[in-house]
């Protein structure tokens, strides 16, 4: 009898120790997660330098006249080039499309652009299938003094903040590595804009195309608005409508494997068409379908393919695409 009671008490004590140990382990993870997250947040706030962006931008565009503004991410950076707009349409275009420049960045940049260049006649906006899953890079957002302050993060919003904000942390660490290698691309505004205007596509011989659907071929759904920065996309379109700007939303070509991966392209395009119903100044040009561009020719792309949701035009592909684009947008200037 006493032996049974003794064994029972021993088991209860063992269970209590296990529960207490598990609670302490969970608490230590919780505190470590919060502590490291807030430490990274503090370091990040002081990491991105405040540049004299407006002063440099004003100096660069002084006495220049642009009829067209090109906005977008890396896909527009590789796909739409001022050189061809001027060559084929005799219209001078200013381009600020690059990786990490999402709807939020474009919204604030347009305000600066309008201040020093005036209201453009036409805006070409390269829209991506994943536009509502884009986060503007803080190194570019640091250019603007008028950015709305981010809401404070609720420490109980997620069991692990480091995992929830992994993308933001990865972006920050990547920018740290760029800084350590001596590349300070966010600081040299003038040189960057010179490069953007002169760029006509990359001669990337190291193709990163997945030509056949493999076992790991995963299809990607279309993420609906508002997503991460959809509100800013809507704000930008509203302001452009108020300014009377002709807006052309350009769905750029993808390699055929990426088109098959982004299998809800029809939802994406239908969503874009909804903007034409809401804003009569907004027009849609869809080149994300095989019939609009030779999407099966690998030489026209530098990456993408089956299982890849992102695809960029090569220099050769961009040359052909800009020829098609210039022909299609000519009427909007007339």
Protein backbone atom coordinates (compact mmCIF):
# COMPACT_ATOMS: atom_id res chain seq x y z
CA UNK A 1 0.00 0.00 0.00
CA UNK A 2 2.66 2.46 1.10
CA UNK A 3 4.75 1.38 -1.84
CA UNK A 4 1.91 2.21 -4.26
CA UNK A 5 1.40 5.67 -2.69
CA UNK A 6 5.14 6.31 -2.84
CA UNK A 7 5.29 5.37 -6.54
CA UNK A 8 2.25 7.56 -7.27
CA UNK A 9 3.85 10.54 -5.51
CA UNK A 10 7.07 9.99 -7.44
CA UNK A 11 5.18 9.97 -10.74
CA UNK A 12 3.33 13.17 -9.79
CA UNK A 13 6.59 14.89 -8.86
CA UNK A 14 8.12 13.75 -12.16
CA UNK A 15 5.13 15.06 -14.08
CA UNK A 16 5.29 18.41 -12.27
CA UNK A 17 8.99 18.72 -13.04
CA UNK A 18 8.28 17.94 -16.70
CA UNK A 19 5.49 20.54 -16.85
CA UNK A 20 7.60 23.18 -15.08
CA UNK A 21 10.57 22.42 -17.34
CA UNK A 22 8.42 22.63 -20.46
CA UNK A 23 6.91 25.96 -19.31
CA UNK A 24 10.35 27.40 -18.58
CA UNK A 25 11.59 26.23 -22.00
CA UNK A 26 8.61 27.84 -23.77
CA UNK A 27 9.05 31.05 -21.73
CA UNK A 28 12.76 31.21 -22.56
CA UNK A 29 12.00 30.83 -26.28
CA UNK A 30 9.31 33.52 -26.02
CA UNK A 31 11.66 35.97 -24.26
CA UNK A 32 14.55 35.20 -26.63
CA UNK A 33 12.29 35.71 -29.66
CA UNK A 34 10.98 39.08 -28.39
CA UNK A 35 14.38 40.27 -27.22
CA UNK A 36 16.17 39.47 -30.48
CA UNK A 37 13.32 40.85 -32.59
CA UNK A 38 13.30 44.20 -30.80
CA UNK A 39 17.09 44.38 -30.86
CA UNK A 40 17.02 43.87 -34.65
CA UNK A 41 14.25 46.46 -34.95
CA UNK A 42 16.28 49.08 -33.08
CA UNK A 43 19.39 48.37 -35.16
CA UNK A 44 17.36 48.51 -38.38
CA UNK A 45 15.87 51.92 -37.54
CA UNK A 46 19.35 53.39 -37.26
CA UNK A 47 20.82 51.41 -40.16
CA UNK A 48 19.23 53.12 -43.15
CA UNK A 49 20.83 56.55 -43.72
CA UNK A 50 18.75 59.60 -44.45
CA UNK A 51 19.95 60.88 -47.81
CA UNK A 52 19.41 64.21 -49.49
CA UNK A 53 17.20 62.43 -51.95
CA UNK A 54 14.97 65.31 -53.02
CA UNK A 55 17.93 67.64 -53.48
CA UNK A 56 19.77 65.07 -55.61
CA UNK A 57 16.64 64.24 -57.58
CA UNK A 58 15.88 67.89 -58.25
CA UNK A 59 19.42 68.38 -59.54
CA UNK A 60 19.15 65.38 -61.83
CA UNK A 61 15.82 66.30 -63.48
CA UNK A 62 16.43 70.06 -63.67
CA UNK A 63 15.69 71.43 -67.15
CA UNK A 64 14.61 67.96 -68.37
CA UNK A 65 11.14 67.38 -69.78
CA UNK A 66 9.50 63.97 -69.46
CA UNK A 67 6.13 62.98 -70.84
CA UNK A 68 6.23 59.44 -69.44
CA UNK A 69 6.93 57.93 -66.03
CA UNK A 70 7.81 54.22 -65.75
CA UNK A 71 7.17 52.51 -62.40
CA UNK A 72 7.35 48.94 -61.15
CA UNK A 73 9.61 46.28 -59.69
CA UNK A 74 12.51 44.28 -61.15
CA UNK A 75 10.30 42.91 -63.92
CA UNK A 76 9.64 46.41 -65.24
CA UNK A 77 13.33 47.20 -64.68
CA UNK A 78 14.28 44.39 -67.07
CA UNK A 79 11.33 44.81 -69.41
CA UNK A 80 10.45 48.48 -70.05
CA UNK A 81 13.20 50.88 -71.17
CA UNK A 82 13.15 54.67 -71.77
CA UNK A 83 15.53 54.22 -74.71
CA UNK A 84 12.87 52.46 -76.80
CA UNK A 85 10.06 54.82 -75.76
CA UNK A 86 12.09 57.75 -77.04
CA UNK A 87 13.41 55.91 -80.13
CA UNK A 88 10.04 54.60 -81.32
CA UNK A 89 7.61 57.23 -80.03
CA UNK A 90 9.82 60.30 -79.68
CA UNK A 91 8.62 60.60 -76.08
CA UNK A 92 11.07 61.15 -73.26
CA UNK A 93 10.51 58.78 -70.36
CA UNK A 94 11.80 58.71 -66.79
CA UNK A 95 12.17 55.29 -65.21
CA UNK A 96 12.25 54.33 -61.55
CA UNK A 97 11.52 50.61 -61.56
CA UNK A 98 13.74 48.29 -59.56
CA UNK A 99 13.75 45.37 -57.17
CA UNK A 100 12.27 46.34 -53.80
CA UNK A 101 10.20 49.22 -55.18
CA UNK A 102 6.64 48.14 -54.46
CA UNK A 103 3.34 50.07 -54.43
CA UNK A 104 4.20 51.94 -51.23
CA UNK A 105 7.49 53.19 -52.66
CA UNK A 106 5.83 54.11 -55.98
CA UNK A 107 3.15 56.11 -54.17
CA UNK A 108 5.65 58.25 -52.29
CA UNK A 109 8.01 58.56 -55.25
CA UNK A 110 5.22 59.90 -57.45
CA UNK A 111 4.68 62.73 -54.99
CA UNK A 112 8.36 63.70 -55.27
CA UNK A 113 8.36 63.28 -59.03
CA UNK A 114 5.31 65.50 -59.44
CA UNK A 115 6.87 68.15 -57.26
CA UNK A 116 9.98 68.56 -59.42
CA UNK A 117 8.93 67.25 -62.86
CA UNK A 118 5.28 68.16 -62.98
CA UNK A 119 2.39 65.86 -63.77
CA UNK A 120 3.33 63.28 -66.44
CA UNK A 121 1.15 62.69 -69.46
CA UNK A 122 1.44 58.90 -69.25
CA UNK A 123 2.42 56.47 -66.49
CA UNK A 124 3.52 52.98 -67.48
CA UNK A 125 3.20 50.75 -64.43
CA UNK A 126 4.58 47.21 -64.64
CA UNK A 127 2.17 45.12 -62.57
CA UNK A 128 3.12 41.69 -61.26
CA UNK A 129 1.01 38.62 -60.54
CA UNK A 130 2.32 38.85 -56.97
CA UNK A 131 1.85 42.62 -56.61
CA UNK A 132 -0.10 42.23 -53.37
CA UNK A 133 2.65 40.17 -51.81
CA UNK A 134 5.38 42.78 -52.35
CA UNK A 135 7.05 44.75 -49.55
CA UNK A 136 8.94 47.92 -50.43
CA UNK A 137 12.55 47.73 -49.28
CA UNK A 138 13.25 50.01 -46.27
CA UNK A 139 16.48 51.24 -47.89
CA UNK A 140 14.40 52.85 -50.63
CA UNK A 141 11.69 54.06 -48.26
CA UNK A 142 14.36 55.87 -46.23
CA UNK A 143 14.48 58.41 -49.06
CA UNK A 144 11.19 59.95 -48.02
CA UNK A 145 10.60 62.18 -45.02
CA UNK A 146 6.81 62.10 -45.29
CA UNK A 147 6.30 58.36 -44.86
CA UNK A 148 3.58 57.38 -42.41
CA UNK A 149 4.99 55.84 -39.26
CA UNK A 150 4.54 52.09 -38.99
CA UNK A 151 2.12 50.88 -36.36
CA UNK A 152 3.74 49.48 -33.24
CA UNK A 153 3.88 45.68 -33.25
CA UNK A 154 1.75 43.80 -30.76
CA UNK A 155 4.08 41.40 -28.93
CA UNK A 156 1.24 38.90 -28.67
CA UNK A 157 0.35 39.05 -32.38
CA UNK A 158 2.26 35.83 -33.05
CA UNK A 159 3.87 33.04 -31.01
CA UNK A 160 7.21 33.82 -32.70
CA UNK A 161 7.78 37.33 -34.10
CA UNK A 162 11.05 36.27 -35.77
CA UNK A 163 9.15 33.81 -37.95
CA UNK A 164 6.19 36.12 -38.62
CA UNK A 165 8.51 38.92 -39.78
CA UNK A 166 11.06 36.66 -41.47
CA UNK A 167 10.80 38.44 -44.83
CA UNK A 168 11.49 41.83 -43.27
CA UNK A 169 14.43 40.45 -41.28
CA UNK A 170 15.86 38.71 -44.36
CA UNK A 171 15.67 41.99 -46.31
CA UNK A 172 17.48 43.82 -43.53
CA UNK A 173 20.24 41.21 -43.27
CA UNK A 174 20.64 41.25 -47.05
CA UNK A 175 21.05 45.05 -46.95
CA UNK A 176 23.64 44.64 -44.20
CA UNK A 177 25.61 42.29 -46.46
CA UNK A 178 25.37 44.78 -49.33
CA UNK A 179 26.69 47.51 -47.05
CA UNK A 180 29.57 45.30 -45.92
CA UNK A 181 30.58 44.67 -49.54
CA UNK A 182 30.88 48.42 -50.07
CA UNK A 183 27.86 48.83 -52.36
CA UNK A 184 25.75 51.78 -51.17
CA UNK A 185 23.24 51.89 -54.00
CA UNK A 186 20.61 53.76 -51.98
CA UNK A 187 22.94 56.71 -51.36
CA UNK A 188 24.14 57.55 -54.85
CA UNK A 189 20.82 58.74 -56.23
CA UNK A 190 22.20 60.53 -59.29
CA UNK A 191 24.28 57.61 -60.54
CA UNK A 192 21.44 55.19 -59.98
CA UNK A 193 19.05 57.28 -62.03
CA UNK A 194 21.61 57.63 -64.80
CA UNK A 195 21.94 53.84 -64.88
CA UNK A 196 18.17 53.35 -64.85
CA UNK A 197 17.60 55.65 -67.83
CA UNK A 198 20.39 54.10 -69.90
CA UNK A 199 19.69 50.45 -69.08
CA UNK A 200 18.39 48.33 -72.01
CA UNK A 201 18.45 44.87 -70.43
CA UNK A 202 20.99 42.47 -69.02
CA UNK A 203 23.31 40.20 -71.00
CA UNK A 204 22.85 37.42 -68.52
CA UNK A 205 24.41 34.27 -69.95
CA UNK A 206 23.68 32.27 -66.79
CA UNK A 207 20.08 31.40 -67.55
CA UNK A 208 18.02 30.29 -64.59
CA UNK A 209 15.09 28.76 -66.45
CA UNK A 210 13.24 25.61 -65.42
CA UNK A 211 12.23 24.22 -68.81
CA UNK A 212 10.26 21.16 -67.71
CA UNK A 213 7.73 20.61 -64.89
CA UNK A 214 9.45 18.45 -62.30
CA UNK A 215 8.23 16.62 -59.23
CA UNK A 216 8.46 19.83 -57.17
CA UNK A 217 6.37 21.88 -59.60
CA UNK A 218 4.00 23.87 -57.37
CA UNK A 219 1.33 26.20 -58.69
CA UNK A 220 0.92 29.63 -57.10
CA UNK A 221 -2.46 31.19 -56.36
CA UNK A 222 -3.18 34.86 -57.05
CA UNK A 223 -3.07 36.79 -53.79
CA UNK A 224 -6.02 39.22 -53.76
CA UNK A 225 -5.91 42.79 -52.43
CA UNK A 226 -5.19 44.49 -50.19
CA UNK A 227 -2.32 42.14 -49.32
CA UNK A 228 0.73 43.92 -47.95
CA UNK A 229 0.75 47.24 -49.83
CA UNK A 230 -2.46 47.15 -51.87
CA UNK A 231 -3.81 50.23 -50.11
CA UNK A 232 -0.91 52.28 -51.47
CA UNK A 233 -1.52 50.98 -54.99
CA UNK A 234 -5.10 52.20 -54.71
CA UNK A 235 -3.94 55.55 -53.31
CA UNK A 236 -1.56 56.01 -56.22
CA UNK A 237 -4.22 55.23 -58.82
CA UNK A 238 -6.61 57.64 -57.12
CA UNK A 239 -4.04 60.45 -57.15
CA UNK A 240 -3.15 59.78 -60.79
CA UNK A 241 -6.85 59.93 -61.69
CA UNK A 242 -7.19 63.26 -59.88
CA UNK A 243 -4.17 64.57 -61.80
CA UNK A 244 -5.66 63.47 -65.13
CA UNK A 245 -2.78 61.13 -65.97
CA UNK A 246 -3.25 58.36 -68.53
CA UNK A 247 -2.25 55.19 -66.66
CA UNK A 248 -1.31 52.00 -68.51
CA UNK A 249 -1.03 48.93 -66.31
CA UNK A 250 1.33 46.57 -68.12
CA UNK A 251 1.25 42.86 -67.29
CA UNK A 252 4.68 41.92 -68.62
CA UNK A 253 5.47 38.62 -70.40
CA UNK A 254 6.48 35.54 -68.44
CA UNK A 255 8.21 32.41 -69.64
CA UNK A 256 5.61 29.71 -70.38
CA UNK A 257 6.58 27.70 -67.29
CA UNK A 258 5.89 30.70 -65.05
CA UNK A 259 2.55 31.26 -66.77
CA UNK A 260 1.64 27.67 -65.94
CA UNK A 261 2.86 28.19 -62.37
CA UNK A 262 0.82 31.37 -61.90
CA UNK A 263 -2.26 29.41 -62.88
CA UNK A 264 -4.77 32.04 -61.80
CA UNK A 265 -3.65 34.62 -64.33
CA UNK A 266 -7.28 35.02 -65.39
CA UNK A 267 -8.16 36.24 -61.88
CA UNK A 268 -5.19 38.61 -61.95
CA UNK A 269 -6.19 40.10 -65.32
CA UNK A 270 -9.87 40.35 -64.37
CA UNK A 271 -8.82 42.18 -61.23
CA UNK A 272 -6.76 44.64 -63.28
CA UNK A 273 -9.70 45.23 -65.62
CA UNK A 274 -11.70 46.28 -62.60
CA UNK A 275 -9.46 49.33 -62.28
CA UNK A 276 -10.55 50.46 -65.76
CA UNK A 277 -14.15 50.32 -64.57
CA UNK A 278 -13.31 52.39 -61.51
CA UNK A 279 -10.81 54.79 -63.09
CA UNK A 280 -11.53 55.74 -66.70
CA UNK A 281 -7.94 56.99 -67.10
CA UNK A 282 -6.58 53.48 -66.40
CA UNK A 283 -5.96 51.07 -69.28
CA UNK A 284 -4.79 47.45 -69.22
CA UNK A 285 -2.26 45.83 -71.55
CA UNK A 286 -1.94 42.11 -70.87
CA UNK A 287 1.17 40.40 -72.24
CA UNK A 288 1.08 37.61 -69.65
CA UNK A 289 -0.62 35.21 -72.07
CA UNK A 290 1.16 33.15 -74.74
CA UNK A 291 -0.69 34.79 -77.65
CA UNK A 292 0.56 38.27 -76.82
CA UNK A 293 4.27 37.43 -76.79
CA UNK A 294 6.40 34.39 -77.78
CA UNK A 295 6.58 33.04 -74.25
CA UNK A 296 8.01 29.64 -75.22
CA UNK A 297 11.37 30.95 -76.48
CA UNK A 298 13.98 30.61 -73.69
CA UNK A 299 16.29 33.22 -75.26
CA UNK A 300 13.75 35.90 -74.44
CA UNK A 301 14.02 35.31 -70.67
CA UNK A 302 16.76 35.19 -68.08
CA UNK A 303 14.82 33.26 -65.44
CA UNK A 304 11.45 31.77 -64.52
CA UNK A 305 9.89 28.49 -65.52
CA UNK A 306 7.93 25.69 -63.93
CA UNK A 307 7.61 26.26 -60.20
CA UNK A 308 8.98 29.83 -60.51
CA UNK A 309 6.45 32.61 -59.94
CA UNK A 310 8.88 35.33 -61.07
CA UNK A 311 10.22 35.72 -64.61
CA UNK A 312 12.31 38.49 -66.23
CA UNK A 313 12.90 39.36 -69.86
CA UNK A 314 16.40 39.13 -71.31
CA UNK A 315 17.92 41.97 -73.35
CA UNK A 316 16.82 40.22 -76.54
CA UNK A 317 13.33 39.65 -75.17
CA UNK A 318 13.06 43.25 -73.96
CA UNK A 319 14.01 44.55 -77.40
CA UNK A 320 11.13 42.68 -79.00
CA UNK A 321 8.73 43.47 -76.18
CA UNK A 322 9.40 47.22 -76.32
CA UNK A 323 8.75 47.17 -80.06
CA UNK A 324 5.34 45.62 -79.39
CA UNK A 325 4.66 47.88 -76.41
CA UNK A 326 5.53 51.09 -78.28
CA UNK A 327 3.10 50.16 -81.05
CA UNK A 328 0.33 49.42 -78.56
CA UNK A 329 0.69 52.59 -76.45
CA UNK A 330 1.09 55.02 -79.34
CA UNK A 331 -2.65 55.76 -79.40
CA UNK A 332 -2.61 56.92 -75.78
CA UNK A 333 -0.32 59.80 -76.67
CA UNK A 334 -2.47 60.83 -79.63
